[in-house]
Amino acid sequence: MTAEPESTRTPVLDPRPEAPSGYLPGRWFSFKAALSGAVFTLRTQPNALIELFAILVVALAGWWLEISRIEWIILGFTIAVIFAVEAVNTAVWLT
């Protein structure tokens, strides 16, 4: 078995680029990474699209039923948890 010449090897990209220094640049870097993950989940997971449609239906029903402020808060928290669990599920299945 012979080793491949250095010029024919496929370069390996660092999956985690170094975050910039400073508070605001670091937050912006984190926000872009989170948004990228959310878009990836929505593009690759059929269940995420179904959940997005269900969330739209539930939000319209909440608006139509004129739910209270605390109910909107609970609904928003529940939606965030659902998307977070879907993202974790996607990450686990891809590793």
Protein backbone atom coordinates (compact mmCIF):
# COMPACT_ATOMS: atom_id res chain seq x y z
CA MET A 1 0.00 0.00 0.00
CA THR A 2 1.36 3.38 -1.01
CA ALA A 3 0.55 6.73 0.49
CA GLU A 4 -1.17 9.33 -1.65
CA PRO A 5 1.00 12.23 -2.76
CA GLU A 6 0.35 15.39 -0.75
CA SER A 7 -1.04 17.25 -3.77
CA THR A 8 -3.89 14.75 -4.41
CA ARG A 9 -5.30 14.65 -0.89
CA THR A 10 -8.59 16.40 -0.25
CA PRO A 11 -8.09 19.19 2.27
CA VAL A 12 -10.00 18.80 5.49
CA LEU A 13 -11.91 21.91 6.50
CA ASP A 14 -12.13 22.85 10.15
CA PRO A 15 -15.83 22.37 11.02
CA ARG A 16 -15.59 24.94 13.80
CA PRO A 17 -13.90 28.14 12.66
CA GLU A 18 -12.41 30.27 15.38
CA ALA A 19 -14.86 32.80 16.82
CA PRO A 20 -13.76 36.43 16.58
CA SER A 21 -12.62 38.18 19.72
CA GLY A 22 -14.76 40.79 21.38
CA TYR A 23 -18.26 40.67 22.80
CA LEU A 24 -20.36 41.90 19.86
CA PRO A 25 -18.41 40.10 17.11
CA GLY A 26 -18.62 36.92 19.18
CA ARG A 27 -22.39 37.28 19.63
CA TRP A 28 -22.83 37.95 15.90
CA PHE A 29 -20.76 34.84 15.10
CA SER A 30 -22.93 32.76 17.45
CA PHE A 31 -26.14 34.17 15.99
CA LYS A 32 -25.04 33.34 12.44
CA ALA A 33 -24.11 29.80 13.49
CA ALA A 34 -27.49 29.30 15.19
CA LEU A 35 -29.37 30.68 12.19
CA SER A 36 -27.37 28.43 9.88
CA GLY A 37 -28.31 25.41 12.01
CA ALA A 38 -31.99 26.37 11.99
CA VAL A 39 -32.00 26.76 8.20
CA PHE A 40 -30.18 23.43 7.83
CA THR A 41 -32.77 21.72 10.04
CA LEU A 42 -35.68 23.19 8.08
CA ARG A 43 -34.11 22.22 4.73
CA THR A 44 -33.19 18.65 5.63
CA GLN A 45 -35.83 17.46 8.09
CA PRO A 46 -39.36 16.85 6.78
CA ASN A 47 -40.73 16.77 10.34
CA ALA A 48 -39.42 20.28 10.95
CA LEU A 49 -41.51 21.58 8.06
CA ILE A 50 -44.57 19.77 9.43
CA GLU A 51 -43.91 21.32 12.84
CA LEU A 52 -43.54 24.76 11.25
CA PHE A 53 -46.92 24.36 9.55
CA ALA A 54 -48.50 23.16 12.83
CA ILE A 55 -47.04 26.16 14.64
CA LEU A 56 -48.57 28.47 12.05
CA VAL A 57 -51.98 26.81 12.51
CA VAL A 58 -51.72 27.03 16.32
CA ALA A 59 -50.65 30.68 16.19
CA LEU A 60 -53.57 31.55 13.92
CA ALA A 61 -55.92 29.69 16.26
CA GLY A 62 -54.47 31.62 19.21
CA TRP A 63 -55.01 34.89 17.40
CA TRP A 64 -58.58 33.90 16.44
CA LEU A 65 -59.39 32.79 20.00
CA GLU A 66 -57.75 35.92 21.43
CA ILE A 67 -55.65 34.08 23.99
CA SER A 68 -54.16 36.01 26.90
CA ARG A 69 -50.62 37.37 27.14
CA ILE A 70 -49.49 34.58 29.49
CA GLU A 71 -50.90 32.00 27.08
CA TRP A 72 -48.88 33.59 24.25
CA ILE A 73 -45.77 33.40 26.43
CA ILE A 74 -46.41 29.73 27.18
CA LEU A 75 -47.08 29.09 23.49
CA GLY A 76 -43.84 30.83 22.49
CA PHE A 77 -41.85 28.84 25.04
CA THR A 78 -43.41 25.60 23.80
CA ILE A 79 -42.58 26.46 20.19
CA ALA A 80 -38.96 27.22 21.13
CA VAL A 81 -38.64 23.90 22.96
CA ILE A 82 -40.09 21.99 19.99
CA PHE A 83 -37.60 23.57 17.57
CA ALA A 84 -34.71 23.02 19.99
CA VAL A 85 -35.54 19.34 20.39
CA GLU A 86 -35.86 18.95 16.60
CA ALA A 87 -32.43 20.56 16.15
CA VAL A 88 -30.88 18.28 18.77
CA ASN A 89 -32.51 15.29 17.09
CA THR A 90 -31.04 16.37 13.75
CA ALA A 91 -27.58 16.77 15.30
CA VAL A 92 -27.74 13.34 16.95
CA TRP A 93 -28.83 11.60 13.74
CA LEU A 94 -26.05 13.24 11.72
CA THR A 95 -23.25 12.22 14.07
